Each structure stands twice: as structure tokens, then as C-alpha cells.
Amino acid sequence: MSERRIIYPPVWLVIGVVVIFALDEFLPGPRFAGAVAQLTGGALLVAGLALLVVAGGLFTRADTGLIPFRDTRALVTHGLYRYSRNPMYVAMALVLLGVAVTVGASLALLVPAAFLVIIDRRFIRAEERQLEALFGDEYRAYCQRVRRWL
């Protein structure tokens, strides 16, 4: 299964940042700028990075792998995972949104949405099937309690 997923989510995040800067430079669309955009974008970026650290730390403390489809040894359902089944992906989308708002190019605002679609199709659906196969009823009960996103 992992052979098909050579480009992991953090790489998609970096690709998204590069696309945002390319759009800003070559195809920005209507622009918005100013201190409010800078502060809002910065806050979203910092919040996304903080969520990534916290969510990743929960995986580390549970002694389970961070890389999708590898070394899954525990079902993490506490901390941020009580509110979202995918807080790391939400965090990455917040980082992209923060960068897009900070650069002020309206077309760049499409990148976080595109990221979420790619992640959903390439990773989340297969991850959910894998977790259901590994953890069965425990995972199904978790899905009933906690939303996929927020």
C-alpha cells in the first residue's frame, strides 16, 4: 500500500507552500494586503504549526508511527484527537491558509482547499480502512464520537 504513496503529507504541505508563492508571483488574482492580513495569516500559521507539534507529540507518546500506513501500533483518541480524527491534516491546512493570507493573493486561498481534497483522496480514506481493519469496533466507535475534520 505504501508504494503508491511516495509523496507523504508533509511533502504535499511543502508543495502547497511553493504553489502559494508561485501564484503570488505569477497569478495572484485580486490582492488583499495590510496589517490585518499579515497578523491574521501569521496567527493561522503559528496555530497550525503548534497543532502539528501537539498532535505529533501525541503519536510519539503513544509509541505509534507518524508516517501514514507504517508502524501503526496504537489508536490515539485523546488530546486533540477527541475533537478531530485528523488534527495533523487540519494543522497543515491552517499552515497553508496562514501562508496564503499572509501573501495576500486571493487565488492562493484555493491551495488549502486543494490540499484537503488531495489528502482526503490519497490518504485519509485508505488510513480509515486500515485503522478499521486493525482496531475494529474500537475504531468504529471512535468514528461515531469524533468527526473527520472538526
C-alpha atoms as a PDB file:
ATOM      1  CA  MET A   1       0.000   0.000   0.000  1.00  0.00           C
ATOM      2  CA  SER A   2       2.767   2.499   0.853  1.00  0.00           C
ATOM      3  CA  GLU A   3       4.466   2.057  -2.549  1.00  0.00           C
ATOM      4  CA  ARG A   4       1.700   4.145  -4.122  1.00  0.00           C
ATOM      5  CA  ARG A   5       2.187   6.927  -1.575  1.00  0.00           C
ATOM      6  CA  ILE A   6       5.757   8.058  -2.131  1.00  0.00           C
ATOM      7  CA  ILE A   7       4.794  11.694  -1.591  1.00  0.00           C
ATOM      8  CA  TYR A   8       3.749  11.896   2.063  1.00  0.00           C
ATOM      9  CA  PRO A   9       1.548  14.634   3.562  1.00  0.00           C
ATOM     10  CA  PRO A  10       4.414  16.911   4.719  1.00  0.00           C
ATOM     11  CA  VAL A  11       5.712  16.913   1.142  1.00  0.00           C
ATOM     12  CA  TRP A  12       2.224  17.904  -0.060  1.00  0.00           C
ATOM     13  CA  LEU A  13       2.384  20.714   2.509  1.00  0.00           C
ATOM     14  CA  VAL A  14       5.694  21.958   1.072  1.00  0.00           C
ATOM     15  CA  ILE A  15       4.309  21.667  -2.468  1.00  0.00           C
ATOM     16  CA  GLY A  16       1.327  23.749  -1.330  1.00  0.00           C
ATOM     17  CA  VAL A  17       3.592  26.470   0.073  1.00  0.00           C
ATOM     18  CA  VAL A  18       5.572  26.555  -3.184  1.00  0.00           C
ATOM     19  CA  VAL A  19       2.334  26.803  -5.203  1.00  0.00           C
ATOM     20  CA  ILE A  20       1.137  29.662  -2.975  1.00  0.00           C
ATOM     21  CA  PHE A  21       4.317  31.635  -3.627  1.00  0.00           C
ATOM     22  CA  ALA A  22       4.174  30.830  -7.346  1.00  0.00           C
ATOM     23  CA  LEU A  23       0.577  32.059  -7.518  1.00  0.00           C
ATOM     24  CA  ASP A  24       1.547  35.168  -5.561  1.00  0.00           C
ATOM     25  CA  GLU A  25       4.283  35.902  -8.062  1.00  0.00           C
ATOM     26  CA  PHE A  26       2.699  34.902 -11.367  1.00  0.00           C
ATOM     27  CA  LEU A  27      -1.103  34.678 -10.975  1.00  0.00           C
ATOM     28  CA  PRO A  28      -2.232  36.391  -7.777  1.00  0.00           C
ATOM     29  CA  GLY A  29      -5.767  37.367  -8.748  1.00  0.00           C
ATOM     30  CA  PRO A  30      -7.223  40.243  -6.746  1.00  0.00           C
ATOM     31  CA  ARG A  31      -4.892  41.161  -3.917  1.00  0.00           C
ATOM     32  CA  PHE A  32      -5.587  41.976  -0.308  1.00  0.00           C
ATOM     33  CA  ALA A  33      -2.929  43.283   1.989  1.00  0.00           C
ATOM     34  CA  GLY A  34      -2.274  45.221   5.120  1.00  0.00           C
ATOM     35  CA  ALA A  35      -1.568  44.700   8.764  1.00  0.00           C
ATOM     36  CA  VAL A  36      -4.784  42.766   9.402  1.00  0.00           C
ATOM     37  CA  ALA A  37      -3.951  40.215   6.697  1.00  0.00           C
ATOM     38  CA  GLN A  38      -0.389  39.912   7.975  1.00  0.00           C
ATOM     39  CA  LEU A  39      -1.487  39.408  11.586  1.00  0.00           C
ATOM     40  CA  THR A  40      -4.296  37.024  10.677  1.00  0.00           C
ATOM     41  CA  GLY A  41      -2.073  34.988   8.372  1.00  0.00           C
ATOM     42  CA  GLY A  42       0.684  34.882  10.953  1.00  0.00           C
ATOM     43  CA  ALA A  43      -1.725  33.754  13.670  1.00  0.00           C
ATOM     44  CA  LEU A  44      -3.113  30.981  11.435  1.00  0.00           C
ATOM     45  CA  LEU A  45       0.404  29.869  10.539  1.00  0.00           C
ATOM     46  CA  VAL A  46       1.556  29.749  14.172  1.00  0.00           C
ATOM     47  CA  ALA A  47      -1.641  27.981  15.252  1.00  0.00           C
ATOM     48  CA  GLY A  48      -1.165  25.370  12.529  1.00  0.00           C
ATOM     49  CA  LEU A  49       2.461  24.759  13.485  1.00  0.00           C
ATOM     50  CA  ALA A  50       1.542  24.491  17.181  1.00  0.00           C
ATOM     51  CA  LEU A  51      -1.223  21.989  16.392  1.00  0.00           C
ATOM     52  CA  LEU A  52       1.227  19.930  14.328  1.00  0.00           C
ATOM     53  CA  VAL A  53       3.671  19.755  17.225  1.00  0.00           C
ATOM     54  CA  VAL A  54       0.989  18.847  19.769  1.00  0.00           C
ATOM     55  CA  ALA A  55      -0.709  16.251  17.538  1.00  0.00           C
ATOM     56  CA  GLY A  56       2.604  14.713  16.519  1.00  0.00           C
ATOM     57  CA  GLY A  57       3.652  14.576  20.165  1.00  0.00           C
ATOM     58  CA  LEU A  58       0.547  12.551  20.999  1.00  0.00           C
ATOM     59  CA  PHE A  59       1.566   9.965  18.394  1.00  0.00           C
ATOM     60  CA  THR A  60       5.102   9.886  19.750  1.00  0.00           C
ATOM     61  CA  ARG A  61       3.894   9.413  23.341  1.00  0.00           C
ATOM     62  CA  ALA A  62       1.605   6.591  22.176  1.00  0.00           C
ATOM     63  CA  ASP A  63       4.642   4.960  20.508  1.00  0.00           C
ATOM     64  CA  THR A  64       2.938   4.769  17.135  1.00  0.00           C
ATOM     65  CA  GLY A  65       4.204   5.868  13.745  1.00  0.00           C
ATOM     66  CA  LEU A  66       3.679   9.333  12.296  1.00  0.00           C
ATOM     67  CA  ILE A  67       4.030   8.190   8.694  1.00  0.00           C
ATOM     68  CA  PRO A  68       0.711   7.018   7.239  1.00  0.00           C
ATOM     69  CA  PHE A  69       0.432   3.244   6.730  1.00  0.00           C
ATOM     70  CA  ARG A  70       3.593   2.464   8.727  1.00  0.00           C
ATOM     71  CA  ASP A  71       4.130   1.303  12.276  1.00  0.00           C
ATOM     72  CA  THR A  72       0.553   1.810  13.434  1.00  0.00           C
ATOM     73  CA  ARG A  73       0.606   0.321  16.928  1.00  0.00           C
ATOM     74  CA  ALA A  74      -1.971   2.392  18.799  1.00  0.00           C
ATOM     75  CA  LEU A  75      -5.232   4.202  18.203  1.00  0.00           C
ATOM     76  CA  VAL A  76      -4.768   7.737  19.526  1.00  0.00           C
ATOM     77  CA  THR A  77      -8.118   9.092  20.718  1.00  0.00           C
ATOM     78  CA  HIS A  78      -7.170  11.596  23.413  1.00  0.00           C
ATOM     79  CA  GLY A  79      -5.991  15.195  23.376  1.00  0.00           C
ATOM     80  CA  LEU A  80      -6.687  16.879  20.048  1.00  0.00           C
ATOM     81  CA  TYR A  81      -7.932  13.557  18.720  1.00  0.00           C
ATOM     82  CA  ARG A  82     -11.039  13.904  20.904  1.00  0.00           C
ATOM     83  CA  TYR A  83     -12.155  16.761  18.601  1.00  0.00           C
ATOM     84  CA  SER A  84     -10.854  15.699  15.196  1.00  0.00           C
ATOM     85  CA  ARG A  85      -9.746  12.382  13.754  1.00  0.00           C
ATOM     86  CA  ASN A  86      -7.228  14.297  11.628  1.00  0.00           C
ATOM     87  CA  PRO A  87      -5.770  17.211  13.604  1.00  0.00           C
ATOM     88  CA  MET A  88      -2.417  16.990  11.820  1.00  0.00           C
ATOM     89  CA  TYR A  89      -4.081  17.419   8.446  1.00  0.00           C
ATOM     90  CA  VAL A  90      -6.200  20.260   9.828  1.00  0.00           C
ATOM     91  CA  ALA A  91      -2.990  21.823  11.145  1.00  0.00           C
ATOM     92  CA  MET A  92      -1.287  21.542   7.751  1.00  0.00           C
ATOM     93  CA  ALA A  93      -4.291  23.188   6.102  1.00  0.00           C
ATOM     94  CA  LEU A  94      -4.082  26.006   8.690  1.00  0.00           C
ATOM     95  CA  VAL A  95      -0.404  26.489   7.842  1.00  0.00           C
ATOM     96  CA  LEU A  96      -1.291  26.761   4.154  1.00  0.00           C
ATOM     97  CA  LEU A  97      -4.163  29.126   4.891  1.00  0.00           C
ATOM     98  CA  GLY A  98      -1.852  31.247   7.029  1.00  0.00           C
ATOM     99  CA  VAL A  99       0.726  31.477   4.250  1.00  0.00           C
ATOM    100  CA  ALA A 100      -1.960  32.275   1.662  1.00  0.00           C
ATOM    101  CA  VAL A 101      -3.478  35.037   3.800  1.00  0.00           C
ATOM    102  CA  THR A 102      -0.057  36.454   4.611  1.00  0.00           C
ATOM    103  CA  VAL A 103       0.958  36.762   0.941  1.00  0.00           C
ATOM    104  CA  GLY A 104      -2.371  38.398   0.110  1.00  0.00           C
ATOM    105  CA  ALA A 105      -3.001  36.689  -3.244  1.00  0.00           C
ATOM    106  CA  SER A 106      -6.649  35.688  -3.488  1.00  0.00           C
ATOM    107  CA  LEU A 107      -6.027  32.738  -5.835  1.00  0.00           C
ATOM    108  CA  ALA A 108      -3.613  31.320  -3.253  1.00  0.00           C
ATOM    109  CA  LEU A 109      -6.606  30.814  -0.984  1.00  0.00           C
ATOM    110  CA  LEU A 110      -7.565  27.862  -3.221  1.00  0.00           C
ATOM    111  CA  VAL A 111      -4.453  25.934  -2.192  1.00  0.00           C
ATOM    112  CA  PRO A 112      -5.578  24.891   1.329  1.00  0.00           C
ATOM    113  CA  ALA A 113      -8.844  23.545  -0.107  1.00  0.00           C
ATOM    114  CA  ALA A 114      -6.987  21.651  -2.836  1.00  0.00           C
ATOM    115  CA  PHE A 115      -4.624  20.254  -0.179  1.00  0.00           C
ATOM    116  CA  LEU A 116      -7.566  18.912   1.837  1.00  0.00           C
ATOM    117  CA  VAL A 117      -9.063  17.223  -1.243  1.00  0.00           C
ATOM    118  CA  ILE A 118      -5.714  15.602  -2.123  1.00  0.00           C
ATOM    119  CA  ILE A 119      -5.120  14.436   1.444  1.00  0.00           C
ATOM    120  CA  ASP A 120      -8.651  13.068   1.725  1.00  0.00           C
ATOM    121  CA  ARG A 121      -8.403  11.113  -1.515  1.00  0.00           C
ATOM    122  CA  ARG A 122      -4.778   9.940  -1.251  1.00  0.00           C
ATOM    123  CA  PHE A 123      -4.510   9.280   2.476  1.00  0.00           C
ATOM    124  CA  ILE A 124      -7.491   9.637   4.789  1.00  0.00           C
ATOM    125  CA  ARG A 125      -9.840   7.166   3.111  1.00  0.00           C
ATOM    126  CA  ALA A 126      -7.168   4.455   2.990  1.00  0.00           C
ATOM    127  CA  GLU A 127      -5.984   5.285   6.523  1.00  0.00           C
ATOM    128  CA  GLU A 128      -9.529   4.878   7.782  1.00  0.00           C
ATOM    129  CA  ARG A 129      -9.832   1.464   6.125  1.00  0.00           C
ATOM    130  CA  GLN A 130      -6.510   0.416   7.652  1.00  0.00           C
ATOM    131  CA  LEU A 131      -7.461   1.629  11.131  1.00  0.00           C
ATOM    132  CA  GLU A 132     -10.809  -0.144  10.922  1.00  0.00           C
ATOM    133  CA  ALA A 133      -9.055  -3.365   9.929  1.00  0.00           C
ATOM    134  CA  LEU A 134      -6.531  -3.017  12.765  1.00  0.00           C
ATOM    135  CA  PHE A 135      -8.780  -1.785  15.571  1.00  0.00           C
ATOM    136  CA  GLY A 136     -12.263  -2.926  14.507  1.00  0.00           C
ATOM    137  CA  ASP A 137     -15.074  -1.947  16.858  1.00  0.00           C
ATOM    138  CA  GLU A 138     -12.851   0.411  18.845  1.00  0.00           C
ATOM    139  CA  TYR A 139     -12.155   2.446  15.704  1.00  0.00           C
ATOM    140  CA  ARG A 140     -15.777   2.355  14.536  1.00  0.00           C
ATOM    141  CA  ALA A 141     -16.906   3.652  17.956  1.00  0.00           C
ATOM    142  CA  TYR A 142     -14.267   6.393  17.751  1.00  0.00           C
ATOM    143  CA  CYS A 143     -15.603   7.426  14.324  1.00  0.00           C
ATOM    144  CA  GLN A 144     -19.093   7.679  15.788  1.00  0.00           C
ATOM    145  CA  ARG A 145     -17.844  10.017  18.546  1.00  0.00           C
ATOM    146  CA  VAL A 146     -15.393  12.193  16.618  1.00  0.00           C
ATOM    147  CA  ARG A 147     -15.726  13.981  13.290  1.00  0.00           C
ATOM    148  CA  ARG A 148     -13.239  13.513  10.494  1.00  0.00           C
ATOM    149  CA  TRP A 149     -12.285  17.204  10.407  1.00  0.00           C
ATOM    150  CA  LEU A 150     -13.729  19.433  13.135  1.00  0.00           C
END
